[in-house]
PDB file of N, CA and C in Angstrom:
ATOM      1  N   MET A   1     -13.974 -27.306  14.984  1.00  0.00           N
ATOM      2  CA  MET A   1     -14.893 -27.802  13.144  1.00  0.00           C
ATOM      3  C   MET A   1     -15.197 -25.647  13.333  1.00  0.00           C
ATOM      4  N   LEU A   2     -15.609 -25.462  14.362  1.00  0.00           N
ATOM      5  CA  LEU A   2     -16.036 -24.125  14.062  1.00  0.00           C
ATOM      6  C   LEU A   2     -14.685 -22.970  14.382  1.00  0.00           C
ATOM      7  N   ALA A   3     -13.995 -22.988  14.508  1.00  0.00           N
ATOM      8  CA  ALA A   3     -11.884 -22.723  14.269  1.00  0.00           C
ATOM      9  C   ALA A   3     -11.200 -22.932  13.319  1.00  0.00           C
ATOM     10  N   ALA A   4     -11.437 -23.866  12.870  1.00  0.00           N
ATOM     11  CA  ALA A   4     -11.456 -24.717  11.534  1.00  0.00           C
ATOM     12  C   ALA A   4     -11.452 -23.322  10.028  1.00  0.00           C
ATOM     13  N   ARG A   5     -13.434 -23.642  10.172  1.00  0.00           N
ATOM     14  CA  ARG A   5     -13.849 -22.152   9.069  1.00  0.00           C
ATOM     15  C   ARG A   5     -13.750 -21.048   9.722  1.00  0.00           C
ATOM     16  N   ALA A   6     -13.665 -19.979  11.017  1.00  0.00           N
ATOM     17  CA  ALA A   6     -13.203 -18.696  11.602  1.00  0.00           C
ATOM     18  C   ALA A   6     -11.776 -18.799  10.551  1.00  0.00           C
ATOM     19  N   ARG A   7     -10.970 -19.428  10.956  1.00  0.00           N
ATOM     20  CA  ARG A   7      -9.578 -19.194   9.867  1.00  0.00           C
ATOM     21  C   ARG A   7      -9.791 -18.788   8.530  1.00  0.00           C
ATOM     22  N   ARG A   8     -10.882 -19.826   8.074  1.00  0.00           N
ATOM     23  CA  ARG A   8     -10.475 -19.016   5.828  1.00  0.00           C
ATOM     24  C   ARG A   8     -11.278 -18.019   6.133  1.00  0.00           C
ATOM     25  N   LEU A   9     -12.094 -17.443   6.948  1.00  0.00           N
ATOM     26  CA  LEU A   9     -12.586 -15.789   6.168  1.00  0.00           C
ATOM     27  C   LEU A   9     -11.604 -14.618   6.250  1.00  0.00           C
ATOM     28  N   PRO A  10     -10.589 -14.834   7.650  1.00  0.00           N
ATOM     29  CA  PRO A  10      -9.430 -14.462   7.202  1.00  0.00           C
ATOM     30  C   PRO A  10      -8.068 -14.275   5.770  1.00  0.00           C
ATOM     31  N   ARG A  11      -8.484 -15.563   6.192  1.00  0.00           N
ATOM     32  CA  ARG A  11      -7.495 -15.388   3.863  1.00  0.00           C
ATOM     33  C   ARG A  11      -8.030 -15.175   3.906  1.00  0.00           C
ATOM     34  N   ALA A  12      -9.455 -15.727   2.888  1.00  0.00           N
ATOM     35  CA  ALA A  12      -9.633 -14.678   2.241  1.00  0.00           C
ATOM     36  C   ALA A  12     -10.403 -13.181   1.960  1.00  0.00           C
ATOM     37  N   VAL A  13     -10.082 -12.417   2.399  1.00  0.00           N
ATOM     38  CA  VAL A  13     -10.326 -11.107   3.135  1.00  0.00           C
ATOM     39  C   VAL A  13      -8.326 -10.775   2.736  1.00  0.00           C
ATOM     40  N   PHE A  14      -7.147 -11.782   3.393  1.00  0.00           N
ATOM     41  CA  PHE A  14      -5.938 -11.488   2.502  1.00  0.00           C
ATOM     42  C   PHE A  14      -5.532 -11.247   1.079  1.00  0.00           C
ATOM     43  N   ARG A  15      -6.392 -12.307   0.809  1.00  0.00           N
ATOM     44  CA  ARG A  15      -6.559 -12.749  -0.110  1.00  0.00           C
ATOM     45  C   ARG A  15      -7.791 -11.702  -1.619  1.00  0.00           C
ATOM     46  N   LEU A  16      -8.655 -10.848  -1.084  1.00  0.00           N
ATOM     47  CA  LEU A  16      -9.149  -9.702  -2.055  1.00  0.00           C
ATOM     48  C   LEU A  16      -8.243  -8.805  -1.480  1.00  0.00           C
ATOM     49  N   LEU A  17      -7.539  -8.261  -1.016  1.00  0.00           N
ATOM     50  CA  LEU A  17      -7.074  -7.467  -0.779  1.00  0.00           C
ATOM     51  C   LEU A  17      -5.483  -7.162  -1.892  1.00  0.00           C
ATOM     52  N   GLY A  18      -5.015  -8.537  -1.053  1.00  0.00           N
ATOM     53  CA  GLY A  18      -4.023  -8.585  -2.657  1.00  0.00           C
ATOM     54  C   GLY A  18      -4.196  -9.113  -4.150  1.00  0.00           C
ATOM     55  N   ASP A  19      -4.955  -9.473  -5.050  1.00  0.00           N
ATOM     56  CA  ASP A  19      -6.163  -9.250  -5.834  1.00  0.00           C
ATOM     57  C   ASP A  19      -6.720  -7.810  -5.651  1.00  0.00           C
ATOM     58  N   LEU A  20      -6.620  -6.412  -5.343  1.00  0.00           N
ATOM     59  CA  LEU A  20      -7.169  -5.814  -5.354  1.00  0.00           C
ATOM     60  C   LEU A  20      -6.223  -4.927  -5.251  1.00  0.00           C
ATOM     61  N   LEU A  21      -5.034  -4.783  -5.189  1.00  0.00           N
ATOM     62  CA  LEU A  21      -3.557  -4.680  -4.910  1.00  0.00           C
ATOM     63  C   LEU A  21      -3.204  -4.757  -5.936  1.00  0.00           C
ATOM     64  N   ARG A  22      -2.639  -5.778  -6.393  1.00  0.00           N
ATOM     65  CA  ARG A  22      -2.493  -6.106  -7.797  1.00  0.00           C
ATOM     66  C   ARG A  22      -2.940  -5.259  -9.846  1.00  0.00           C
ATOM     67  N   VAL A  23      -4.722  -4.933  -9.022  1.00  0.00           N
ATOM     68  CA  VAL A  23      -5.404  -4.541  -9.646  1.00  0.00           C
ATOM     69  C   VAL A  23      -5.492  -2.290 -10.189  1.00  0.00           C
ATOM     70  N   VAL A  24      -4.244  -2.469  -8.615  1.00  0.00           N
ATOM     71  CA  VAL A  24      -4.851  -0.784  -8.316  1.00  0.00           C
ATOM     72  C   VAL A  24      -2.782  -0.505  -8.820  1.00  0.00           C
ATOM     73  N   ARG A  25      -3.089   1.086 -10.186  1.00  0.00           N
ATOM     74  CA  ARG A  25      -1.473   1.275 -10.840  1.00  0.00           C
ATOM     75  C   ARG A  25      -1.539   3.204 -10.416  1.00  0.00           C
ATOM     76  N   PRO A  26      -0.203   2.570  -9.878  1.00  0.00           N
ATOM     77  CA  PRO A  26       0.525   3.994  -9.461  1.00  0.00           C
ATOM     78  C   PRO A  26       0.307   4.634 -11.330  1.00  0.00           C
ATOM     79  N   THR A  27       0.178   6.039 -11.397  1.00  0.00           N
ATOM     80  CA  THR A  27       0.609   6.974 -12.579  1.00  0.00           C
ATOM     81  C   THR A  27       0.565   7.531 -12.107  1.00  0.00           C
ATOM     82  N   HIS A  28       1.499   8.646 -11.054  1.00  0.00           N
ATOM     83  CA  HIS A  28       2.509   9.239 -10.881  1.00  0.00           C
ATOM     84  C   HIS A  28       2.465   9.581  -9.578  1.00  0.00           C
ATOM     85  N   ALA A  29       4.111  10.202  -9.759  1.00  0.00           N
ATOM     86  CA  ALA A  29       3.746  10.421  -7.704  1.00  0.00           C
ATOM     87  C   ALA A  29       5.571  11.289  -8.025  1.00  0.00           C
ATOM     88  N   ARG A  30       5.777  12.183  -6.680  1.00  0.00           N
ATOM     89  CA  ARG A  30       6.243  13.316  -6.819  1.00  0.00           C
ATOM     90  C   ARG A  30       6.559  13.090  -5.359  1.00  0.00           C
ATOM     91  N   LEU A  31       8.200  13.564  -5.252  1.00  0.00           N
ATOM     92  CA  LEU A  31       8.485  13.716  -4.161  1.00  0.00           C
ATOM     93  C   LEU A  31       9.909  15.422  -3.331  1.00  0.00           C
ATOM     94  N   ARG A  32       9.153  16.112  -2.577  1.00  0.00           N
ATOM     95  CA  ARG A  32       9.515  16.853  -2.307  1.00  0.00           C
ATOM     96  C   ARG A  32      10.277  16.620  -1.560  1.00  0.00           C
ATOM     97  N   ALA A  33      11.429  16.838  -0.817  1.00  0.00           N
ATOM     98  CA  ALA A  33      12.204  16.483   0.057  1.00  0.00           C
ATOM     99  C   ALA A  33      12.791  17.621   0.949  1.00  0.00           C
ATOM    100  N   ARG A  34      13.887  18.232   2.157  1.00  0.00           N
ATOM    101  CA  ARG A  34      14.402  18.925   1.884  1.00  0.00           C
ATOM    102  C   ARG A  34      14.480  18.293   3.936  1.00  0.00           C
ATOM    103  N   VAL A  35      16.797  18.546   3.843  1.00  0.00           N
ATOM    104  CA  VAL A  35      17.651  17.122   4.590  1.00  0.00           C
ATOM    105  C   VAL A  35      18.197  18.250   4.958  1.00  0.00           C
ATOM    106  N   GLY A  36      18.937  18.426   6.307  1.00  0.00           N
ATOM    107  CA  GLY A  36      19.967  18.441   6.411  1.00  0.00           C
ATOM    108  C   GLY A  36      20.251  17.553   7.515  1.00  0.00           C
ATOM    109  N   LEU A  37      21.539  17.484   8.135  1.00  0.00           N
ATOM    110  CA  LEU A  37      21.937  17.145   8.741  1.00  0.00           C
ATOM    111  C   LEU A  37      22.711  18.125  10.735  1.00  0.00           C
ATOM    112  N   ASP A  38      23.203  17.864  11.144  1.00  0.00           N
ATOM    113  CA  ASP A  38      24.252  18.780  11.988  1.00  0.00           C
ATOM    114  C   ASP A  38      25.459  18.963  11.354  1.00  0.00           C
ATOM    115  N   ASP A  39      26.500  17.531  10.586  1.00  0.00           N
ATOM    116  CA  ASP A  39      27.516  18.681  10.275  1.00  0.00           C
ATOM    117  C   ASP A  39      27.129  18.941   7.728  1.00  0.00           C
ATOM    118  N   PRO A  40      27.583  19.895   7.898  1.00  0.00           N
ATOM    119  CA  PRO A  40      27.508  20.377   6.371  1.00  0.00           C
ATOM    120  C   PRO A  40      27.706  19.790   5.441  1.00  0.00           C
ATOM    121  N   ALA A  41      28.929  18.385   6.099  1.00  0.00           N
ATOM    122  CA  ALA A  41      30.052  18.048   4.883  1.00  0.00           C
ATOM    123  C   ALA A  41      28.906  16.497   5.350  1.00  0.00           C
ATOM    124  N   SER A  42      27.915  15.972   6.013  1.00  0.00           N
ATOM    125  CA  SER A  42      26.943  15.300   5.877  1.00  0.00           C
ATOM    126  C   SER A  42      26.233  15.385   5.564  1.00  0.00           C
ATOM    127  N   THR A  43      24.978  16.773   5.189  1.00  0.00           N
ATOM    128  CA  THR A  43      25.111  17.177   3.755  1.00  0.00           C
ATOM    129  C   THR A  43      25.056  16.993   2.941  1.00  0.00           C
ATOM    130  N   GLY A  44      25.979  17.126   3.110  1.00  0.00           N
ATOM    131  CA  GLY A  44      26.569  16.818   1.375  1.00  0.00           C
ATOM    132  C   GLY A  44      26.612  15.426   0.992  1.00  0.00           C
ATOM    133  N   ALA A  45      27.687  15.048   1.579  1.00  0.00           N
ATOM    134  CA  ALA A  45      27.550  13.950   1.094  1.00  0.00           C
ATOM    135  C   ALA A  45      25.792  13.163   1.014  1.00  0.00           C
ATOM    136  N   LEU A  46      24.906  13.077   2.069  1.00  0.00           N
ATOM    137  CA  LEU A  46      23.838  12.833   2.341  1.00  0.00           C
ATOM    138  C   LEU A  46      22.671  12.854   0.917  1.00  0.00           C
ATOM    139  N   ALA A  47      23.439  14.004   0.901  1.00  0.00           N
ATOM    140  CA  ALA A  47      23.149  14.382  -0.300  1.00  0.00           C
ATOM    141  C   ALA A  47      23.247  14.455  -2.428  1.00  0.00           C
ATOM    142  N   GLY A  48      24.260  14.541  -2.174  1.00  0.00           N
ATOM    143  CA  GLY A  48      24.773  13.570  -2.805  1.00  0.00           C
ATOM    144  C   GLY A  48      24.662  11.866  -2.514  1.00  0.00           C
ATOM    145  N   MET A  49      24.143  10.839  -2.361  1.00  0.00           N
ATOM    146  CA  MET A  49      23.475   9.817  -2.400  1.00  0.00           C
ATOM    147  C   MET A  49      22.125  10.338  -2.633  1.00  0.00           C
ATOM    148  N   LEU A  50      20.703  10.568  -2.840  1.00  0.00           N
ATOM    149  CA  LEU A  50      20.261  10.713  -2.496  1.00  0.00           C
ATOM    150  C   LEU A  50      19.665  11.059  -3.686  1.00  0.00           C
ATOM    151  N   TYR A  51      20.698  12.208  -4.486  1.00  0.00           N
ATOM    152  CA  TYR A  51      20.433  12.916  -5.558  1.00  0.00           C
ATOM    153  C   TYR A  51      20.751  11.566  -6.990  1.00  0.00           C
ATOM    154  N   GLY A  52      21.748  10.338  -6.340  1.00  0.00           N
ATOM    155  CA  GLY A  52      22.436   9.258  -7.216  1.00  0.00           C
ATOM    156  C   GLY A  52      20.589   9.118  -6.767  1.00  0.00           C
ATOM    157  N   LEU A  53      19.949   8.167  -6.208  1.00  0.00           N
ATOM    158  CA  LEU A  53      19.190   7.303  -5.476  1.00  0.00           C
ATOM    159  C   LEU A  53      17.755   7.885  -7.308  1.00  0.00           C
ATOM    160  N   SER A  54      17.262   9.776  -6.308  1.00  0.00           N
ATOM    161  CA  SER A  54      16.319  10.183  -7.362  1.00  0.00           C
ATOM    162  C   SER A  54      15.997  10.111  -8.640  1.00  0.00           C
ATOM    163  N   ALA A  55      17.521   9.936  -9.120  1.00  0.00           N
ATOM    164  CA  ALA A  55      17.663  10.062 -10.534  1.00  0.00           C
ATOM    165  C   ALA A  55      18.249   8.984 -11.422  1.00  0.00           C
ATOM    166  N   ALA A  56      17.852   7.693 -10.375  1.00  0.00           N
ATOM    167  CA  ALA A  56      17.808   5.993 -11.049  1.00  0.00           C
ATOM    168  C   ALA A  56      16.653   5.607 -10.974  1.00  0.00           C
ATOM    169  N   LEU A  57      15.451   6.702 -10.245  1.00  0.00           N
ATOM    170  CA  LEU A  57      14.091   5.792  -9.187  1.00  0.00           C
ATOM    171  C   LEU A  57      13.752   6.130 -11.173  1.00  0.00           C
ATOM    172  N   PRO A  58      13.532   7.209 -11.500  1.00  0.00           N
ATOM    173  CA  PRO A  58      12.019   7.228 -12.902  1.00  0.00           C
ATOM    174  C   PRO A  58      12.315   6.033 -14.192  1.00  0.00           C
ATOM    175  N   HIS A  59      13.853   5.544 -13.883  1.00  0.00           N
ATOM    176  CA  HIS A  59      14.584   5.167 -14.583  1.00  0.00           C
ATOM    177  C   HIS A  59      14.175   2.942 -13.937  1.00  0.00           C
ATOM    178  N   ALA A  60      14.056   3.457 -13.239  1.00  0.00           N
ATOM    179  CA  ALA A  60      13.591   2.260 -12.279  1.00  0.00           C
ATOM    180  C   ALA A  60      11.738   1.642 -12.276  1.00  0.00           C
ATOM    181  N   ALA A  61      11.321   2.655 -12.873  1.00  0.00           N
ATOM    182  CA  ALA A  61       9.785   3.079 -12.664  1.00  0.00           C
ATOM    183  C   ALA A  61       8.981   3.911 -13.580  1.00  0.00           C
ATOM    184  N   PRO A  62       9.912   3.877 -14.676  1.00  0.00           N
ATOM    185  CA  PRO A  62       9.281   4.416 -16.095  1.00  0.00           C
ATOM    186  C   PRO A  62       8.045   4.057 -16.142  1.00  0.00           C
ATOM    187  N   ALA A  63       7.212   3.909 -15.602  1.00  0.00           N
ATOM    188  CA  ALA A  63       5.614   4.129 -15.935  1.00  0.00           C
ATOM    189  C   ALA A  63       5.059   4.512 -14.749  1.00  0.00           C
ATOM    190  N   TRP A  64       5.993   5.246 -14.134  1.00  0.00           N
ATOM    191  CA  TRP A  64       5.310   5.822 -12.272  1.00  0.00           C
ATOM    192  C   TRP A  64       5.123   7.180 -13.043  1.00  0.00           C
ATOM    193  N   ASN A  65       6.015   7.801 -13.318  1.00  0.00           N
ATOM    194  CA  ASN A  65       5.984   9.670 -13.644  1.00  0.00           C
ATOM    195  C   ASN A  65       6.653   9.332 -12.348  1.00  0.00           C
ATOM    196  N   VAL A  66       7.754   9.320 -12.204  1.00  0.00           N
ATOM    197  CA  VAL A  66       8.247   9.624 -10.894  1.00  0.00           C
ATOM    198  C   VAL A  66       8.481  11.115 -10.376  1.00  0.00           C
ATOM    199  N   HIS A  67       8.399  11.913 -10.176  1.00  0.00           N
ATOM    200  CA  HIS A  67       9.403  13.436 -10.130  1.00  0.00           C
ATOM    201  C   HIS A  67       9.607  13.117  -8.299  1.00  0.00           C
ATOM    202  N   VAL A  68      10.816  13.686  -8.637  1.00  0.00           N
ATOM    203  CA  VAL A  68      12.009  13.826  -6.460  1.00  0.00           C
ATOM    204  C   VAL A  68      12.699  15.226  -6.968  1.00  0.00           C
ATOM    205  N   ASP A  69      11.769  16.290  -6.023  1.00  0.00           N
ATOM    206  CA  ASP A  69      12.868  16.902  -5.519  1.00  0.00           C
ATOM    207  C   ASP A  69      12.883  17.300  -3.759  1.00  0.00           C
ATOM    208  N   LEU A  70      14.807  17.155  -4.394  1.00  0.00           N
ATOM    209  CA  LEU A  70      15.910  16.604  -3.172  1.00  0.00           C
ATOM    210  C   LEU A  70      16.667  18.483  -2.829  1.00  0.00           C
ATOM    211  N   ALA A  71      15.847  18.696  -1.433  1.00  0.00           N
ATOM    212  CA  ALA A  71      16.403  20.697  -0.975  1.00  0.00           C
ATOM    213  C   ALA A  71      17.549  20.482  -0.164  1.00  0.00           C
ATOM    214  N   PRO A  72      19.129  20.282   0.243  1.00  0.00           N
ATOM    215  CA  PRO A  72      20.030  19.582   1.342  1.00  0.00           C
ATOM    216  C   PRO A  72      19.357  21.651   2.257  1.00  0.00           C
ATOM    217  N   GLU A  73      19.322  21.359   3.191  1.00  0.00           N
ATOM    218  CA  GLU A  73      19.478  22.552   3.995  1.00  0.00           C
ATOM    219  C   GLU A  73      20.990  22.220   4.840  1.00  0.00           C
ATOM    220  N   PHE A  74      21.365  23.083   4.864  1.00  0.00           N
ATOM    221  CA  PHE A  74      23.448  23.107   5.049  1.00  0.00           C
ATOM    222  C   PHE A  74      23.474  23.940   6.662  1.00  0.00           C
ATOM    223  N   LEU A  75      22.121  24.628   6.132  1.00  0.00           N
ATOM    224  CA  LEU A  75      22.113  25.566   7.727  1.00  0.00           C
ATOM    225  C   LEU A  75      21.937  24.603   9.653  1.00  0.00           C
ATOM    226  N   GLU A  76      20.784  23.713   9.036  1.00  0.00           N
ATOM    227  CA  GLU A  76      20.291  23.794  10.610  1.00  0.00           C
ATOM    228  C   GLU A  76      20.098  21.724  10.252  1.00  0.00           C
ATOM    229  N   PRO A  77      20.099  21.323  10.837  1.00  0.00           N
ATOM    230  CA  PRO A  77      18.812  20.092  10.681  1.00  0.00           C
ATOM    231  C   PRO A  77      17.957  19.799  10.787  1.00  0.00           C
ATOM    232  N   THR A  78      17.447  19.107   9.697  1.00  0.00           N
ATOM    233  CA  THR A  78      16.153  19.526   9.549  1.00  0.00           C
ATOM    234  C   THR A  78      15.636  18.340   8.339  1.00  0.00           C
ATOM    235  N   VAL A  79      14.795  17.634   8.319  1.00  0.00           N
ATOM    236  CA  VAL A  79      13.622  16.930   7.616  1.00  0.00           C
ATOM    237  C   VAL A  79      12.659  17.062   7.101  1.00  0.00           C
ATOM    238  N   GLU A  80      12.171  17.411   6.313  1.00  0.00           N
ATOM    239  CA  GLU A  80      10.589  17.732   5.913  1.00  0.00           C
ATOM    240  C   GLU A  80      10.225  17.364   4.288  1.00  0.00           C
ATOM    241  N   ALA A  81       9.342  15.797   4.320  1.00  0.00           N
ATOM    242  CA  ALA A  81       9.305  15.294   3.301  1.00  0.00           C
ATOM    243  C   ALA A  81       7.446  15.363   3.259  1.00  0.00           C
ATOM    244  N   ARG A  82       7.522  15.725   1.296  1.00  0.00           N
ATOM    245  CA  ARG A  82       6.405  15.147   1.418  1.00  0.00           C
ATOM    246  C   ARG A  82       6.313  14.863   0.127  1.00  0.00           C
ATOM    247  N   ALA A  83       5.104  13.786  -0.708  1.00  0.00           N
ATOM    248  CA  ALA A  83       4.987  12.495  -1.698  1.00  0.00           C
ATOM    249  C   ALA A  83       3.628  13.168  -1.943  1.00  0.00           C
ATOM    250  N   GLU A  84       2.863  12.990  -2.444  1.00  0.00           N
ATOM    251  CA  GLU A  84       2.008  13.148  -3.824  1.00  0.00           C
ATOM    252  C   GLU A  84       1.320  11.447  -4.620  1.00  0.00           C
ATOM    253  N   VAL A  85       0.869  10.909  -4.206  1.00  0.00           N
ATOM    254  CA  VAL A  85       0.491   9.678  -6.110  1.00  0.00           C
ATOM    255  C   VAL A  85      -0.423   9.943  -6.261  1.00  0.00           C
ATOM    256  N   GLU A  86      -0.694   9.984  -7.473  1.00  0.00           N
ATOM    257  CA  GLU A  86      -1.790   9.604  -7.765  1.00  0.00           C
ATOM    258  C   GLU A  86      -1.752   8.021  -8.222  1.00  0.00           C
ATOM    259  N   TRP A  87      -3.436   7.172  -8.729  1.00  0.00           N
ATOM    260  CA  TRP A  87      -3.755   6.374  -8.243  1.00  0.00           C
ATOM    261  C   TRP A  87      -4.314   6.337  -9.528  1.00  0.00           C
ATOM    262  N   SER A  88      -5.078   4.488 -10.369  1.00  0.00           N
ATOM    263  CA  SER A  88      -4.756   3.908 -11.497  1.00  0.00           C
ATOM    264  C   SER A  88      -5.732   2.743 -11.111  1.00  0.00           C
ATOM    265  N   VAL A  89      -6.923   3.185 -11.043  1.00  0.00           N
ATOM    266  CA  VAL A  89      -7.888   1.082 -10.216  1.00  0.00           C
ATOM    267  C   VAL A  89      -9.026   1.502 -12.218  1.00  0.00           C
ATOM    268  N   SER A  90      -8.805   0.082 -12.173  1.00  0.00           N
ATOM    269  CA  SER A  90      -9.874  -0.195 -13.314  1.00  0.00           C
ATOM    270  C   SER A  90     -10.797  -0.772 -12.899  1.00  0.00           C
ATOM    271  N   ALA A  91     -12.371  -0.780 -12.763  1.00  0.00           N
ATOM    272  CA  ALA A  91     -13.117  -0.856 -11.942  1.00  0.00           C
ATOM    273  C   ALA A  91     -13.795  -1.960 -12.473  1.00  0.00           C
ATOM    274  N   GLY A  92     -13.641  -2.667 -13.753  1.00  0.00           N
ATOM    275  CA  GLY A  92     -13.676  -4.126 -14.341  1.00  0.00           C
ATOM    276  C   GLY A  92     -13.090  -4.922 -13.869  1.00  0.00           C
ATOM    277  N   ALA A  93     -11.227  -4.796 -13.749  1.00  0.00           N
ATOM    278  CA  ALA A  93     -11.431  -5.580 -12.813  1.00  0.00           C
ATOM    279  C   ALA A  93     -10.925  -6.066 -12.042  1.00  0.00           C
ATOM    280  N   ALA A  94     -11.650  -5.251 -10.998  1.00  0.00           N
ATOM    281  CA  ALA A  94     -11.747  -5.159 -10.030  1.00  0.00           C
ATOM    282  C   ALA A  94     -12.798  -5.591  -9.216  1.00  0.00           C
ATOM    283  N   LEU A  95     -13.878  -5.682 -10.045  1.00  0.00           N
ATOM    284  CA  LEU A  95     -14.759  -5.956 -10.487  1.00  0.00           C
ATOM    285  C   LEU A  95     -14.230  -8.428  -9.413  1.00  0.00           C
ATOM    286  N   TRP A  96     -14.140  -8.772 -10.683  1.00  0.00           N
ATOM    287  CA  TRP A  96     -13.833 -10.284 -10.368  1.00  0.00           C
ATOM    288  C   TRP A  96     -13.532 -10.698  -8.773  1.00  0.00           C
ATOM    289  N   PRO A  97     -12.043  -9.416  -8.973  1.00  0.00           N
ATOM    290  CA  PRO A  97     -12.168 -10.298  -7.138  1.00  0.00           C
ATOM    291  C   PRO A  97     -12.604 -10.216  -6.133  1.00  0.00           C
ATOM    292  N   LEU A  98     -13.965  -8.520  -6.362  1.00  0.00           N
ATOM    293  CA  LEU A  98     -15.084  -8.783  -5.269  1.00  0.00           C
ATOM    294  C   LEU A  98     -16.389  -9.842  -5.471  1.00  0.00           C
ATOM    295  N   VAL A  99     -16.412 -10.176  -6.767  1.00  0.00           N
ATOM    296  CA  VAL A  99     -18.143 -11.554  -6.872  1.00  0.00           C
ATOM    297  C   VAL A  99     -17.185 -12.925  -6.655  1.00  0.00           C
ATOM    298  N   ARG A 100     -15.774 -13.160  -6.517  1.00  0.00           N
ATOM    299  CA  ARG A 100     -15.482 -13.861  -6.304  1.00  0.00           C
ATOM    300  C   ARG A 100     -15.384 -14.034  -5.121  1.00  0.00           C
ATOM    301  N   PHE A 101     -14.985 -13.111  -4.880  1.00  0.00           N
ATOM    302  CA  PHE A 101     -14.667 -12.832  -2.990  1.00  0.00           C
ATOM    303  C   PHE A 101     -16.124 -12.851  -2.033  1.00  0.00           C
ATOM    304  N   LEU A 102     -16.971 -12.617  -3.001  1.00  0.00           N
ATOM    305  CA  LEU A 102     -18.693 -12.268  -1.913  1.00  0.00           C
ATOM    306  C   LEU A 102     -19.461 -13.501  -1.958  1.00  0.00           C
ATOM    307  N   ALA A 103     -18.802 -13.907  -3.378  1.00  0.00           N
ATOM    308  CA  ALA A 103     -19.593 -15.209  -4.020  1.00  0.00           C
ATOM    309  C   ALA A 103     -19.357 -16.700  -3.402  1.00  0.00           C
ATOM    310  N   SER A 104     -17.994 -16.400  -2.136  1.00  0.00           N
ATOM    311  CA  SER A 104     -17.561 -18.081  -1.944  1.00  0.00           C
ATOM    312  C   SER A 104     -18.062 -18.169  -0.910  1.00  0.00           C
ATOM    313  N   PRO A 105     -18.153 -19.976  -0.358  1.00  0.00           N
ATOM    314  CA  PRO A 105     -18.750 -20.307   0.548  1.00  0.00           C
ATOM    315  C   PRO A 105     -18.261 -19.787   1.985  1.00  0.00           C
ATOM    316  N   VAL A 106     -16.775 -19.114   1.970  1.00  0.00           N
ATOM    317  CA  VAL A 106     -15.918 -19.341   3.577  1.00  0.00           C
ATOM    318  C   VAL A 106     -17.447 -17.739   3.446  1.00  0.00           C
ATOM    319  N   THR A 107     -17.097 -16.576   2.831  1.00  0.00           N
ATOM    320  CA  THR A 107     -18.533 -15.861   3.077  1.00  0.00           C
ATOM    321  C   THR A 107     -20.052 -15.912   3.619  1.00  0.00           C
ATOM    322  N   TRP A 108     -20.244 -16.397   2.921  1.00  0.00           N
ATOM    323  CA  TRP A 108     -21.256 -16.809   2.804  1.00  0.00           C
ATOM    324  C   TRP A 108     -21.498 -17.765   4.636  1.00  0.00           C
ATOM    325  N   ARG A 109     -20.616 -18.408   4.524  1.00  0.00           N
ATOM    326  CA  ARG A 109     -20.677 -19.033   6.618  1.00  0.00           C
ATOM    327  C   ARG A 109     -21.096 -17.476   7.339  1.00  0.00           C
ATOM    328  N   ALA A 110     -19.771 -16.627   7.005  1.00  0.00           N
ATOM    329  CA  ALA A 110     -19.492 -16.336   7.712  1.00  0.00           C
ATOM    330  C   ALA A 110     -20.837 -14.795   8.058  1.00  0.00           C
ATOM    331  N   PHE A 111     -20.956 -14.918   7.151  1.00  0.00           N
ATOM    332  CA  PHE A 111     -22.738 -13.801   6.573  1.00  0.00           C
ATOM    333  C   PHE A 111     -23.818 -14.617   7.752  1.00  0.00           C
ATOM    334  N   LEU A 112     -24.215 -15.500   7.459  1.00  0.00           N
ATOM    335  CA  LEU A 112     -24.773 -16.791   8.066  1.00  0.00           C
ATOM    336  C   LEU A 112     -24.643 -16.855   9.731  1.00  0.00           C
ATOM    337  N   ALA A 113     -23.438 -17.054   9.827  1.00  0.00           N
ATOM    338  CA  ALA A 113     -22.953 -16.771  11.804  1.00  0.00           C
ATOM    339  C   ALA A 113     -23.645 -15.453  12.230  1.00  0.00           C
ATOM    340  N   THR A 114     -23.353 -14.789  10.971  1.00  0.00           N
ATOM    341  CA  THR A 114     -23.816 -13.796  12.503  1.00  0.00           C
ATOM    342  C   THR A 114     -24.394 -13.359  12.600  1.00  0.00           C
ATOM    343  N   ARG A 115     -26.037 -13.479  11.396  1.00  0.00           N
ATOM    344  CA  ARG A 115     -26.987 -13.005  11.834  1.00  0.00           C
ATOM    345  C   ARG A 115     -28.036 -13.280  12.929  1.00  0.00           C
ATOM    346  N   PRO A 116     -28.728 -12.683  13.350  1.00  0.00           N
ATOM    347  CA  PRO A 116     -29.825 -11.809  14.172  1.00  0.00           C
ATOM    348  C   PRO A 116     -30.355 -13.582  14.403  1.00  0.00           C
ATOM    349  N   GLY A 117     -30.864 -13.817  15.280  1.00  0.00           N
ATOM    350  CA  GLY A 117     -32.164 -14.355  15.520  1.00  0.00           C
ATOM    351  C   GLY A 117     -30.984 -16.020  15.349  1.00  0.00           C
ATOM    352  N   ARG A 118     -30.080 -16.180  14.591  1.00  0.00           N
ATOM    353  CA  ARG A 118     -29.346 -17.488  14.919  1.00  0.00           C
ATOM    354  C   ARG A 118     -28.934 -18.009  16.383  1.00  0.00           C
ATOM    355  N   PRO A 119     -28.678 -19.391  16.745  1.00  0.00           N
ATOM    356  CA  PRO A 119     -28.428 -19.777  17.909  1.00  0.00           C
ATOM    357  C   PRO A 119     -26.972 -19.694  18.344  1.00  0.00           C
ATOM    358  N   ALA A 120     -26.389 -20.182  19.120  1.00  0.00           N
ATOM    359  CA  ALA A 120     -24.842 -19.315  19.349  1.00  0.00           C
ATOM    360  C   ALA A 120     -24.153 -21.302  19.446  1.00  0.00           C
ATOM    361  N   PRO A 121     -23.302 -21.333  18.376  1.00  0.00           N
ATOM    362  CA  PRO A 121     -22.481 -22.718  18.128  1.00  0.00           C
ATOM    363  C   PRO A 121     -22.375 -22.462  19.856  1.00  0.00           C
ATOM    364  N   ARG A 122     -22.869 -24.614  19.378  1.00  0.00           N
ATOM    365  CA  ARG A 122     -22.164 -25.046  21.491  1.00  0.00           C
ATOM    366  C   ARG A 122     -21.272 -25.472  20.993  1.00  0.00           C
ATOM    367  N   ALA A 123     -20.761 -25.617  22.396  1.00  0.00           N
ATOM    368  CA  ALA A 123     -19.394 -25.868  22.802  1.00  0.00           C
ATOM    369  C   ALA A 123     -19.512 -27.559  23.084  1.00  0.00           C
ATOM    370  N   ALA A 124     -17.895 -27.921  22.597  1.00  0.00           N
ATOM    371  CA  ALA A 124     -18.223 -30.050  22.483  1.00  0.00           C
ATOM    372  C   ALA A 124     -17.489 -28.706  24.127  1.00  0.00           C
TER     373      ALA A 124
END
């Protein structure tokens, strides 16, 4: 019985995290990358594919305000990248999942089971 109750808390935590992830929205993203392979021809082919993807990215997620700066490096093999993302969170929208999680019976049972002075559950 205790094992069944113990399995419910991780589910509730994952549900809370999923609900909070739905509330968080990226507002701005920027990626800077420098890429080079051993062969300059392979570097050019890879750069062409990455330029095509970077051109399609702002159209795939227009609300994100995505900027991609790609610099091919033809002289030496290298991979350098830096990403910056700004997120927006609505406090009102994040409050409801938190309240629902804190008020759930599963959370209260877990809290009461960890109080000091409470006897340990008996093994069957």
